PDB file of all heavy atoms in Angstrom:
ATOM      1  N   SER A   1    -116.207 -74.571 -10.290  1.00  0.00           N
ATOM      2  CA  SER A   1    -115.590 -73.472  -9.557  1.00  0.00           C
ATOM      3  C   SER A   1    -116.627 -72.657  -8.789  1.00  0.00           C
ATOM      4  O   SER A   1    -116.437 -72.332  -7.615  1.00  0.00           O
ATOM      5  CB  SER A   1    -114.824 -72.571 -10.527  1.00  0.00           C
ATOM      6  OG  SER A   1    -114.291 -71.457  -9.864  1.00  0.00           O
ATOM      7  N   GLU A   2    -117.747 -72.374  -9.439  1.00  0.00           N
ATOM      8  CA  GLU A   2    -118.769 -71.536  -8.811  1.00  0.00           C
ATOM      9  C   GLU A   2    -119.524 -72.282  -7.710  1.00  0.00           C
ATOM     10  O   GLU A   2    -120.039 -71.662  -6.777  1.00  0.00           O
ATOM     11  CB  GLU A   2    -119.743 -71.023  -9.873  1.00  0.00           C
ATOM     12  CG  GLU A   2    -119.094 -70.055 -10.855  1.00  0.00           C
ATOM     13  CD  GLU A   2    -120.061 -69.572 -11.929  1.00  0.00           C
ATOM     14  OE1 GLU A   2    -121.171 -70.140 -12.028  1.00  0.00           O
ATOM     15  OE2 GLU A   2    -119.698 -68.633 -12.668  1.00  0.00           O
ATOM     16  N   PHE A   3    -119.567 -73.619  -7.809  1.00  0.00           N
ATOM     17  CA  PHE A   3    -120.294 -74.394  -6.794  1.00  0.00           C
ATOM     18  C   PHE A   3    -119.488 -74.541  -5.502  1.00  0.00           C
ATOM     19  O   PHE A   3    -120.035 -74.934  -4.466  1.00  0.00           O
ATOM     20  CB  PHE A   3    -120.660 -75.774  -7.339  1.00  0.00           C
ATOM     21  CG  PHE A   3    -121.608 -76.544  -6.458  1.00  0.00           C
ATOM     22  CD1 PHE A   3    -122.949 -76.189  -6.373  1.00  0.00           C
ATOM     23  CD2 PHE A   3    -121.165 -77.615  -5.703  1.00  0.00           C
ATOM     24  CE1 PHE A   3    -123.835 -76.878  -5.553  1.00  0.00           C
ATOM     25  CE2 PHE A   3    -122.045 -78.320  -4.878  1.00  0.00           C
ATOM     26  CZ  PHE A   3    -123.383 -77.944  -4.807  1.00  0.00           C
ATOM     27  N   LEU A   4    -118.209 -74.237  -5.537  1.00  0.00           N
ATOM     28  CA  LEU A   4    -117.362 -74.399  -4.358  1.00  0.00           C
ATOM     29  C   LEU A   4    -117.895 -73.614  -3.161  1.00  0.00           C
ATOM     30  O   LEU A   4    -117.781 -74.064  -2.010  1.00  0.00           O
ATOM     31  CB  LEU A   4    -115.927 -73.954  -4.671  1.00  0.00           C
ATOM     32  CG  LEU A   4    -115.120 -74.890  -5.572  1.00  0.00           C
ATOM     33  CD1 LEU A   4    -113.786 -74.253  -5.942  1.00  0.00           C
ATOM     34  CD2 LEU A   4    -114.892 -76.238  -4.878  1.00  0.00           C
ATOM     35  N   GLU A   5    -118.494 -72.459  -3.400  1.00  0.00           N
ATOM     36  CA  GLU A   5    -119.024 -71.653  -2.305  1.00  0.00           C
ATOM     37  C   GLU A   5    -120.173 -72.362  -1.604  1.00  0.00           C
ATOM     38  O   GLU A   5    -120.253 -72.384  -0.369  1.00  0.00           O
ATOM     39  CB  GLU A   5    -119.497 -70.296  -2.835  1.00  0.00           C
ATOM     40  CG  GLU A   5    -119.993 -69.360  -1.734  1.00  0.00           C
ATOM     41  CD  GLU A   5    -120.403 -68.000  -2.269  1.00  0.00           C
ATOM     42  OE1 GLU A   5    -120.049 -67.684  -3.432  1.00  0.00           O
ATOM     43  OE2 GLU A   5    -121.070 -67.244  -1.529  1.00  0.00           O
ATOM     44  N   VAL A   6    -121.080 -72.963  -2.397  1.00  0.00           N
ATOM     45  CA  VAL A   6    -122.199 -73.728  -1.813  1.00  0.00           C
ATOM     46  C   VAL A   6    -121.658 -74.939  -1.065  1.00  0.00           C
ATOM     47  O   VAL A   6    -122.096 -75.253   0.047  1.00  0.00           O
ATOM     48  CB  VAL A   6    -123.182 -74.172  -2.913  1.00  0.00           C
ATOM     49  CG1 VAL A   6    -124.308 -75.025  -2.322  1.00  0.00           C
ATOM     50  CG2 VAL A   6    -123.752 -72.956  -3.638  1.00  0.00           C
ATOM     51  N   ALA A   7    -120.691 -75.629  -1.673  1.00  0.00           N
ATOM     52  CA  ALA A   7    -120.121 -76.827  -1.055  1.00  0.00           C
ATOM     53  C   ALA A   7    -119.487 -76.498   0.289  1.00  0.00           C
ATOM     54  O   ALA A   7    -119.647 -77.242   1.269  1.00  0.00           O
ATOM     55  CB  ALA A   7    -119.094 -77.455  -1.997  1.00  0.00           C
ATOM     56  N   ALA A   8    -118.777 -75.386   0.353  1.00  0.00           N
ATOM     57  CA  ALA A   8    -118.122 -74.993   1.609  1.00  0.00           C
ATOM     58  C   ALA A   8    -119.156 -74.671   2.686  1.00  0.00           C
ATOM     59  O   ALA A   8    -118.958 -74.998   3.871  1.00  0.00           O
ATOM     60  CB  ALA A   8    -117.214 -73.782   1.363  1.00  0.00           C
ATOM     61  N   GLN A   9    -120.263 -74.065   2.302  1.00  0.00           N
ATOM     62  CA  GLN A   9    -121.301 -73.693   3.260  1.00  0.00           C
ATOM     63  C   GLN A   9    -121.888 -74.908   3.960  1.00  0.00           C
ATOM     64  O   GLN A   9    -122.220 -74.855   5.155  1.00  0.00           O
ATOM     65  CB  GLN A   9    -122.399 -72.920   2.537  1.00  0.00           C
ATOM     66  CG  GLN A   9    -123.557 -72.487   3.444  1.00  0.00           C
ATOM     67  CD  GLN A   9    -124.665 -71.793   2.664  1.00  0.00           C
ATOM     68  OE1 GLN A   9    -124.521 -71.510   1.474  1.00  0.00           O
ATOM     69  NE2 GLN A   9    -125.774 -71.523   3.343  1.00  0.00           N
ATOM     70  N   PHE A  10    -122.008 -76.025   3.221  1.00  0.00           N
ATOM     71  CA  PHE A  10    -122.642 -77.213   3.780  1.00  0.00           C
ATOM     72  C   PHE A  10    -121.651 -78.341   4.064  1.00  0.00           C
ATOM     73  O   PHE A  10    -122.063 -79.434   4.455  1.00  0.00           O
ATOM     74  CB  PHE A  10    -123.726 -77.727   2.817  1.00  0.00           C
ATOM     75  CG  PHE A  10    -124.929 -76.831   2.735  1.00  0.00           C
ATOM     76  CD1 PHE A  10    -124.991 -75.808   1.803  1.00  0.00           C
ATOM     77  CD2 PHE A  10    -126.007 -77.007   3.597  1.00  0.00           C
ATOM     78  CE1 PHE A  10    -126.101 -74.968   1.729  1.00  0.00           C
ATOM     79  CE2 PHE A  10    -127.117 -76.184   3.527  1.00  0.00           C
ATOM     80  CZ  PHE A  10    -127.166 -75.158   2.586  1.00  0.00           C
ATOM     81  N   GLY A  11    -120.365 -78.108   3.879  1.00  0.00           N
ATOM     82  CA  GLY A  11    -119.372 -79.155   4.107  1.00  0.00           C
ATOM     83  C   GLY A  11    -119.532 -80.319   3.150  1.00  0.00           C
ATOM     84  O   GLY A  11    -119.405 -81.483   3.541  1.00  0.00           O
ATOM     85  N   MET A  12    -119.785 -79.998   1.894  1.00  0.00           N
ATOM     86  CA  MET A  12    -120.086 -81.032   0.898  1.00  0.00           C
ATOM     87  C   MET A  12    -118.824 -81.595   0.255  1.00  0.00           C
ATOM     88  O   MET A  12    -117.852 -80.877   0.015  1.00  0.00           O
ATOM     89  CB  MET A  12    -120.939 -80.446  -0.236  1.00  0.00           C
ATOM     90  CG  MET A  12    -122.341 -80.067   0.135  1.00  0.00           C
ATOM     91  SD  MET A  12    -123.157 -79.310  -1.314  1.00  0.00           S
ATOM     92  CE  MET A  12    -124.778 -78.957  -0.595  1.00  0.00           C
ATOM     93  N   ARG A  13    -118.894 -82.880  -0.052  1.00  0.00           N
ATOM     94  CA  ARG A  13    -118.003 -83.493  -1.035  1.00  0.00           C
ATOM     95  C   ARG A  13    -118.840 -83.647  -2.298  1.00  0.00           C
ATOM     96  O   ARG A  13    -119.946 -84.185  -2.231  1.00  0.00           O
ATOM     97  CB  ARG A  13    -117.509 -84.854  -0.554  1.00  0.00           C
ATOM     98  CG  ARG A  13    -116.682 -84.800   0.719  1.00  0.00           C
ATOM     99  CD  ARG A  13    -116.228 -86.164   1.167  1.00  0.00           C
ATOM    100  NE  ARG A  13    -117.348 -87.049   1.453  1.00  0.00           N
ATOM    101  CZ  ARG A  13    -117.233 -88.229   2.058  1.00  0.00           C
ATOM    102  NH1 ARG A  13    -116.049 -88.665   2.421  1.00  0.00           N
ATOM    103  NH2 ARG A  13    -118.299 -88.974   2.293  1.00  0.00           N
ATOM    104  N   PHE A  14    -118.335 -83.186  -3.430  1.00  0.00           N
ATOM    105  CA  PHE A  14    -119.147 -83.276  -4.636  1.00  0.00           C
ATOM    106  C   PHE A  14    -118.290 -83.606  -5.846  1.00  0.00           C
ATOM    107  O   PHE A  14    -117.088 -83.358  -5.881  1.00  0.00           O
ATOM    108  CB  PHE A  14    -119.911 -81.965  -4.876  1.00  0.00           C
ATOM    109  CG  PHE A  14    -119.083 -80.848  -5.449  1.00  0.00           C
ATOM    110  CD1 PHE A  14    -119.064 -80.608  -6.817  1.00  0.00           C
ATOM    111  CD2 PHE A  14    -118.310 -80.040  -4.624  1.00  0.00           C
ATOM    112  CE1 PHE A  14    -118.296 -79.585  -7.354  1.00  0.00           C
ATOM    113  CE2 PHE A  14    -117.545 -79.013  -5.147  1.00  0.00           C
ATOM    114  CZ  PHE A  14    -117.534 -78.777  -6.525  1.00  0.00           C
ATOM    115  N   VAL A  15    -118.954 -84.187  -6.840  1.00  0.00           N
ATOM    116  CA  VAL A  15    -118.337 -84.468  -8.138  1.00  0.00           C
ATOM    117  C   VAL A  15    -119.307 -83.986  -9.197  1.00  0.00           C
ATOM    118  O   VAL A  15    -120.510 -84.258  -9.126  1.00  0.00           O
ATOM    119  CB  VAL A  15    -118.060 -85.973  -8.333  1.00  0.00           C
ATOM    120  CG1 VAL A  15    -117.488 -86.236  -9.719  1.00  0.00           C
ATOM    121  CG2 VAL A  15    -117.116 -86.489  -7.261  1.00  0.00           C
ATOM    122  N   LEU A  16    -118.788 -83.262 -10.174  1.00  0.00           N
ATOM    123  CA  LEU A  16    -119.627 -82.762 -11.264  1.00  0.00           C
ATOM    124  C   LEU A  16    -119.000 -83.177 -12.588  1.00  0.00           C
ATOM    125  O   LEU A  16    -117.853 -82.844 -12.867  1.00  0.00           O
ATOM    126  CB  LEU A  16    -119.742 -81.239 -11.174  1.00  0.00           C
ATOM    127  CG  LEU A  16    -120.894 -80.588 -11.973  1.00  0.00           C
ATOM    128  CD1 LEU A  16    -121.266 -79.252 -11.366  1.00  0.00           C
ATOM    129  CD2 LEU A  16    -120.540 -80.423 -13.433  1.00  0.00           C
ATOM    130  N   TRP A  17    -119.762 -83.971 -13.354  1.00  0.00           N
ATOM    131  CA  TRP A  17    -119.283 -84.514 -14.620  1.00  0.00           C
ATOM    132  C   TRP A  17    -120.155 -84.014 -15.768  1.00  0.00           C
ATOM    133  O   TRP A  17    -121.361 -83.810 -15.604  1.00  0.00           O
ATOM    134  CB  TRP A  17    -119.377 -86.045 -14.621  1.00  0.00           C
ATOM    135  CG  TRP A  17    -118.338 -86.759 -13.838  1.00  0.00           C
ATOM    136  CD1 TRP A  17    -118.295 -86.903 -12.486  1.00  0.00           C
ATOM    137  CD2 TRP A  17    -117.201 -87.457 -14.345  1.00  0.00           C
ATOM    138  NE1 TRP A  17    -117.201 -87.653 -12.123  1.00  0.00           N
ATOM    139  CE2 TRP A  17    -116.518 -88.007 -13.242  1.00  0.00           C
ATOM    140  CE3 TRP A  17    -116.707 -87.694 -15.623  1.00  0.00           C
ATOM    141  CZ2 TRP A  17    -115.362 -88.765 -13.379  1.00  0.00           C
ATOM    142  CZ3 TRP A  17    -115.559 -88.448 -15.770  1.00  0.00           C
ATOM    143  CH2 TRP A  17    -114.888 -88.969 -14.646  1.00  0.00           C
ATOM    144  N   ASP A  18    -119.550 -83.870 -16.935  1.00  0.00           N
ATOM    145  CA  ASP A  18    -120.321 -83.766 -18.163  1.00  0.00           C
ATOM    146  C   ASP A  18    -120.941 -85.145 -18.401  1.00  0.00           C
ATOM    147  O   ASP A  18    -120.231 -86.152 -18.455  1.00  0.00           O
ATOM    148  CB  ASP A  18    -119.391 -83.388 -19.324  1.00  0.00           C
ATOM    149  CG  ASP A  18    -120.138 -83.205 -20.641  1.00  0.00           C
ATOM    150  OD1 ASP A  18    -121.234 -83.777 -20.791  1.00  0.00           O
ATOM    151  OD2 ASP A  18    -119.622 -82.498 -21.512  1.00  0.00           O
ATOM    152  N   SER A  19    -122.267 -85.191 -18.535  1.00  0.00           N
ATOM    153  CA  SER A  19    -122.957 -86.481 -18.614  1.00  0.00           C
ATOM    154  C   SER A  19    -122.537 -87.300 -19.835  1.00  0.00           C
ATOM    155  O   SER A  19    -122.756 -88.517 -19.874  1.00  0.00           O
ATOM    156  CB  SER A  19    -124.471 -86.273 -18.646  1.00  0.00           C
ATOM    157  OG  SER A  19    -124.843 -85.529 -19.802  1.00  0.00           O
ATOM    158  N   LYS A  20    -121.937 -86.660 -20.843  1.00  0.00           N
ATOM    159  CA  LYS A  20    -121.519 -87.383 -22.045  1.00  0.00           C
ATOM    160  C   LYS A  20    -120.067 -87.841 -21.960  1.00  0.00           C
ATOM    161  O   LYS A  20    -119.580 -88.511 -22.874  1.00  0.00           O
ATOM    162  CB  LYS A  20    -121.710 -86.502 -23.278  1.00  0.00           C
ATOM    163  CG  LYS A  20    -123.165 -86.152 -23.567  1.00  0.00           C
ATOM    164  CD  LYS A  20    -123.294 -85.285 -24.815  1.00  0.00           C
ATOM    165  CE  LYS A  20    -124.750 -84.935 -25.083  1.00  0.00           C
ATOM    166  NZ  LYS A  20    -124.895 -84.061 -26.279  1.00  0.00           N
ATOM    167  N   ALA A  21    -119.385 -87.479 -20.892  1.00  0.00           N
ATOM    168  CA  ALA A  21    -117.976 -87.834 -20.763  1.00  0.00           C
ATOM    169  C   ALA A  21    -117.845 -89.271 -20.251  1.00  0.00           C
ATOM    170  O   ALA A  21    -118.297 -89.579 -19.147  1.00  0.00           O
ATOM    171  CB  ALA A  21    -117.277 -86.874 -19.808  1.00  0.00           C
ATOM    172  N   PRO A  22    -117.248 -90.173 -21.031  1.00  0.00           N
ATOM    173  CA  PRO A  22    -117.121 -91.561 -20.583  1.00  0.00           C
ATOM    174  C   PRO A  22    -116.027 -91.740 -19.541  1.00  0.00           C
ATOM    175  O   PRO A  22    -115.038 -91.001 -19.534  1.00  0.00           O
ATOM    176  CB  PRO A  22    -116.772 -92.308 -21.875  1.00  0.00           C
ATOM    177  CG  PRO A  22    -116.066 -91.293 -22.711  1.00  0.00           C
ATOM    178  CD  PRO A  22    -116.699 -89.964 -22.379  1.00  0.00           C
ATOM    179  N   TYR A  23    -116.214 -92.719 -18.651  1.00  0.00           N
ATOM    180  CA  TYR A  23    -115.180 -93.067 -17.681  1.00  0.00           C
ATOM    181  C   TYR A  23    -114.061 -93.813 -18.410  1.00  0.00           C
ATOM    182  O   TYR A  23    -114.301 -94.738 -19.180  1.00  0.00           O
ATOM    183  CB  TYR A  23    -115.768 -93.985 -16.595  1.00  0.00           C
ATOM    184  CG  TYR A  23    -116.193 -93.280 -15.332  1.00  0.00           C
ATOM    185  CD1 TYR A  23    -117.240 -92.370 -15.340  1.00  0.00           C
ATOM    186  CD2 TYR A  23    -115.565 -93.541 -14.125  1.00  0.00           C
ATOM    187  CE1 TYR A  23    -117.646 -91.737 -14.177  1.00  0.00           C
ATOM    188  CE2 TYR A  23    -115.966 -92.920 -12.952  1.00  0.00           C
ATOM    189  CZ  TYR A  23    -117.007 -92.010 -12.991  1.00  0.00           C
ATOM    190  OH  TYR A  23    -117.400 -91.383 -11.837  1.00  0.00           O
ATOM    191  N   ARG A  24    -112.844 -93.400 -18.119  1.00  0.00           N
ATOM    192  CA  ARG A  24    -111.686 -94.115 -18.643  1.00  0.00           C
ATOM    193  C   ARG A  24    -111.499 -95.358 -17.771  1.00  0.00           C
ATOM    194  O   ARG A  24    -111.193 -95.263 -16.584  1.00  0.00           O
ATOM    195  CB  ARG A  24    -110.451 -93.223 -18.577  1.00  0.00           C
ATOM    196  CG  ARG A  24    -110.592 -91.929 -19.344  1.00  0.00           C
ATOM    197  CD  ARG A  24    -110.259 -92.104 -20.800  1.00  0.00           C
ATOM    198  NE  ARG A  24    -108.845 -92.375 -20.996  1.00  0.00           N
ATOM    199  CZ  ARG A  24    -108.315 -92.747 -22.175  1.00  0.00           C
ATOM    200  NH1 ARG A  24    -109.087 -92.910 -23.220  1.00  0.00           N
ATOM    201  NH2 ARG A  24    -107.021 -92.955 -22.282  1.00  0.00           N
TER     202      ARG A  24
END
């Protein structure tokens, strides 16, 4: 949620995962 401001400033597409969370 807090990174959305940075992402909007640079037109970013981003994904943020907990590194221990496995992919289903």
